[in-house]
Amino acid sequence: AHAADVEDASLAMSSTGRTVIAMIKIVIPAGAAKPAPPVGPALGSHGLNIMSFCKDFNAKTADITADVPIPVTITAFRDKSFEWEMKSPPVSYFIKKAAGIKEGSKTTGHEVKGTISLKHVYEIAKVKHGDPGYSWMKLESIASSIIGSAKTMGVEVVR
């Protein structure tokens, strides 16, 4: 599990007119949200209903393979309510799965850990294109970024 990143929203207003007190970014394995760290402390410190989030998250990710890392952004409001949004797994997760490796190279550019095809890159780009931060980008741009990530991880992209 990963530690949570909490951004102080400095009491911004949401589109619904509620006062935002924090934006919590956390990566949780699919179907495995529980009140233990990192979820519990991240939500509990803002007075949010931890069990409600865990039940919702686990239900929404029930059809995803267990242990797939799911990035989540939780918007905490002053009235102790919250909204959350999940994204597709990180690019590095997809690259490692496609290359059949457990981890990337520790020395960038010196060690080839595995290979993926351009078809893999395109499929990953299509998945990432559905995420809010990528929807405005061209598939070619996303694919270029994925190729760069693969190189950094010691994964060669072949035709």
Protein backbone atom coordinates (compact mmCIF):
# COMPACT_ATOMS: atom_id res chain seq x y z
CA ALA A 1 0.00 0.00 0.00
CA HIS A 2 1.09 3.54 -0.61
CA ALA A 3 1.07 6.55 1.68
CA ALA A 4 -1.61 9.11 1.01
CA ASP A 5 -0.86 12.52 -0.45
CA VAL A 6 -3.02 15.20 1.09
CA GLU A 7 -3.29 18.60 -0.50
CA ASP A 8 -4.57 21.40 1.68
CA ALA A 9 -7.37 22.82 -0.40
CA SER A 10 -7.19 26.05 1.65
CA LEU A 11 -10.96 26.04 2.05
CA ALA A 12 -11.81 26.26 -1.65
CA MET A 13 -15.41 26.05 -2.82
CA SER A 14 -16.59 23.10 -4.89
CA SER A 15 -18.97 23.29 -7.84
CA THR A 16 -21.75 22.25 -5.44
CA GLY A 17 -21.03 25.22 -3.16
CA ARG A 18 -19.59 23.09 -0.34
CA THR A 19 -16.32 24.09 1.30
CA VAL A 20 -13.44 21.78 0.33
CA ILE A 21 -11.02 21.14 3.21
CA ALA A 22 -8.68 18.62 1.53
CA MET A 23 -7.88 16.67 -1.62
CA ILE A 24 -6.56 13.23 -0.68
CA LYS A 25 -4.67 11.25 -3.31
CA ILE A 26 -4.10 7.62 -2.52
CA VAL A 27 -3.40 4.35 -4.38
CA ILE A 28 -5.40 1.37 -3.11
CA PRO A 29 -5.36 -2.23 -4.39
CA ALA A 30 -8.68 -3.09 -6.11
CA GLY A 31 -11.21 -4.55 -3.69
CA ALA A 32 -8.87 -4.13 -0.72
CA ALA A 33 -9.80 -0.83 0.93
CA LYS A 34 -9.84 -1.27 4.70
CA PRO A 35 -9.71 1.08 7.69
CA ALA A 36 -6.03 0.25 8.26
CA PRO A 37 -3.27 2.55 6.90
CA PRO A 38 -3.07 4.22 4.46
CA VAL A 39 -6.87 4.60 4.02
CA GLY A 40 -7.95 4.97 7.67
CA PRO A 41 -5.55 7.71 8.76
CA ALA A 42 -5.94 9.64 5.49
CA LEU A 43 -9.73 9.82 5.79
CA GLY A 44 -10.02 9.75 9.58
CA SER A 45 -7.82 12.81 10.00
CA HIS A 46 -10.50 14.80 8.14
CA GLY A 47 -13.40 13.20 10.03
CA LEU A 48 -14.67 11.28 7.00
CA ASN A 49 -16.67 8.04 7.20
CA ILE A 50 -13.93 5.47 6.56
CA MET A 51 -16.21 2.41 6.40
CA SER A 52 -18.56 4.11 3.95
CA PHE A 53 -15.64 4.82 1.60
CA CYS A 54 -14.20 1.30 1.99
CA LYS A 55 -17.56 -0.34 1.18
CA ASP A 56 -18.14 1.94 -1.84
CA PHE A 57 -14.60 1.46 -3.18
CA ASN A 58 -14.60 -2.32 -2.70
CA ALA A 59 -18.01 -2.62 -4.39
CA LYS A 60 -16.95 -0.44 -7.32
CA THR A 61 -13.69 -2.40 -7.80
CA ALA A 62 -15.13 -5.88 -7.18
CA ASP A 63 -14.91 -6.78 -10.89
CA ILE A 64 -11.26 -5.71 -11.16
CA THR A 65 -8.50 -8.26 -10.54
CA ALA A 66 -7.40 -8.20 -6.89
CA ASP A 67 -4.28 -6.17 -6.07
CA VAL A 68 -4.47 -3.99 -9.19
CA PRO A 69 -3.35 -0.54 -7.93
CA ILE A 70 -6.18 2.00 -8.30
CA PRO A 71 -5.34 5.72 -7.88
CA VAL A 72 -8.13 7.53 -6.03
CA THR A 73 -8.72 11.23 -5.40
CA ILE A 74 -10.99 11.97 -2.45
CA THR A 75 -12.40 15.49 -2.02
CA ALA A 76 -13.16 16.15 1.64
CA PHE A 77 -15.72 18.82 2.53
CA ARG A 78 -16.08 20.85 5.72
CA ASP A 79 -19.45 19.17 6.48
CA LYS A 80 -17.58 15.81 6.74
CA SER A 81 -19.01 14.60 3.43
CA PHE A 82 -16.76 13.53 0.57
CA GLU A 83 -16.68 12.67 -3.11
CA TRP A 84 -14.19 10.35 -4.73
CA GLU A 85 -12.98 9.52 -8.19
CA MET A 86 -10.86 6.62 -9.31
CA LYS A 87 -8.54 6.46 -12.28
CA SER A 88 -7.05 3.60 -14.23
CA PRO A 89 -3.92 1.95 -12.79
CA PRO A 90 -0.55 3.71 -13.29
CA VAL A 91 1.23 3.32 -16.65
CA SER A 92 4.10 1.51 -14.90
CA TYR A 93 1.65 -1.20 -13.74
CA PHE A 94 0.47 -1.82 -17.33
CA ILE A 95 4.04 -1.83 -18.69
CA LYS A 96 5.19 -4.38 -16.09
CA LYS A 97 2.16 -6.60 -16.79
CA ALA A 98 2.66 -6.42 -20.58
CA ALA A 99 6.39 -7.15 -20.27
CA GLY A 100 5.81 -9.93 -17.74
CA ILE A 101 8.20 -8.44 -15.18
CA LYS A 102 7.88 -7.75 -11.44
CA GLU A 103 9.90 -4.52 -11.40
CA GLY A 104 11.66 -2.14 -13.76
CA SER A 105 15.38 -1.55 -14.15
CA LYS A 106 17.20 0.12 -11.27
CA THR A 107 19.65 1.73 -13.71
CA THR A 108 17.85 3.54 -16.50
CA GLY A 109 19.32 2.89 -19.95
CA HIS A 110 21.78 0.22 -18.78
CA GLU A 111 19.62 -2.83 -18.33
CA VAL A 112 16.79 -4.24 -20.47
CA LYS A 113 14.29 -5.95 -18.17
CA GLY A 114 11.73 -6.87 -20.84
CA THR A 115 9.98 -5.89 -24.05
CA ILE A 116 6.50 -4.76 -25.07
CA SER A 117 5.04 -4.22 -28.51
CA LEU A 118 3.62 -1.04 -30.05
CA LYS A 119 0.24 -2.79 -29.81
CA HIS A 120 0.71 -2.97 -26.01
CA VAL A 121 1.58 0.75 -25.98
CA TYR A 122 -1.53 1.59 -28.02
CA GLU A 123 -3.79 -0.51 -25.75
CA ILE A 124 -2.36 1.18 -22.62
CA ALA A 125 -2.87 4.59 -24.29
CA LYS A 126 -6.52 3.75 -24.99
CA VAL A 127 -7.08 2.88 -21.31
CA LYS A 128 -5.30 6.02 -20.05
CA HIS A 129 -7.22 8.17 -22.58
CA GLY A 130 -10.35 7.44 -20.51
CA ASP A 131 -8.86 9.09 -17.41
CA PRO A 132 -9.90 12.69 -16.68
CA GLY A 133 -6.36 14.09 -16.98
CA TYR A 134 -5.73 12.47 -20.35
CA SER A 135 -9.05 12.78 -22.18
CA TRP A 136 -8.04 15.98 -23.99
CA MET A 137 -4.74 14.49 -25.24
CA LYS A 138 -4.22 12.77 -28.59
CA LEU A 139 -3.57 9.01 -28.39
CA GLU A 140 -0.20 9.58 -30.12
CA SER A 141 0.89 11.93 -27.31
CA ILE A 142 -0.16 9.47 -24.63
CA ALA A 143 1.63 6.65 -26.52
CA SER A 144 4.83 8.75 -26.69
CA SER A 145 4.67 9.30 -22.95
CA ILE A 146 4.17 5.55 -22.38
CA ILE A 147 7.19 4.75 -24.59
CA GLY A 148 9.23 7.19 -22.48
CA SER A 149 8.06 5.53 -19.27
CA ALA A 150 8.92 2.09 -20.69
CA LYS A 151 12.46 3.25 -21.59
CA THR A 152 12.92 4.67 -18.10
CA MET A 153 11.86 1.31 -16.64
CA GLY A 154 14.29 -0.64 -18.85
CA VAL A 155 11.51 -2.02 -21.06
CA GLU A 156 12.17 -1.99 -24.78
CA VAL A 157 9.34 -1.19 -27.21
CA VAL A 158 9.48 -3.38 -30.32
CA ARG A 159 7.45 -3.29 -33.55
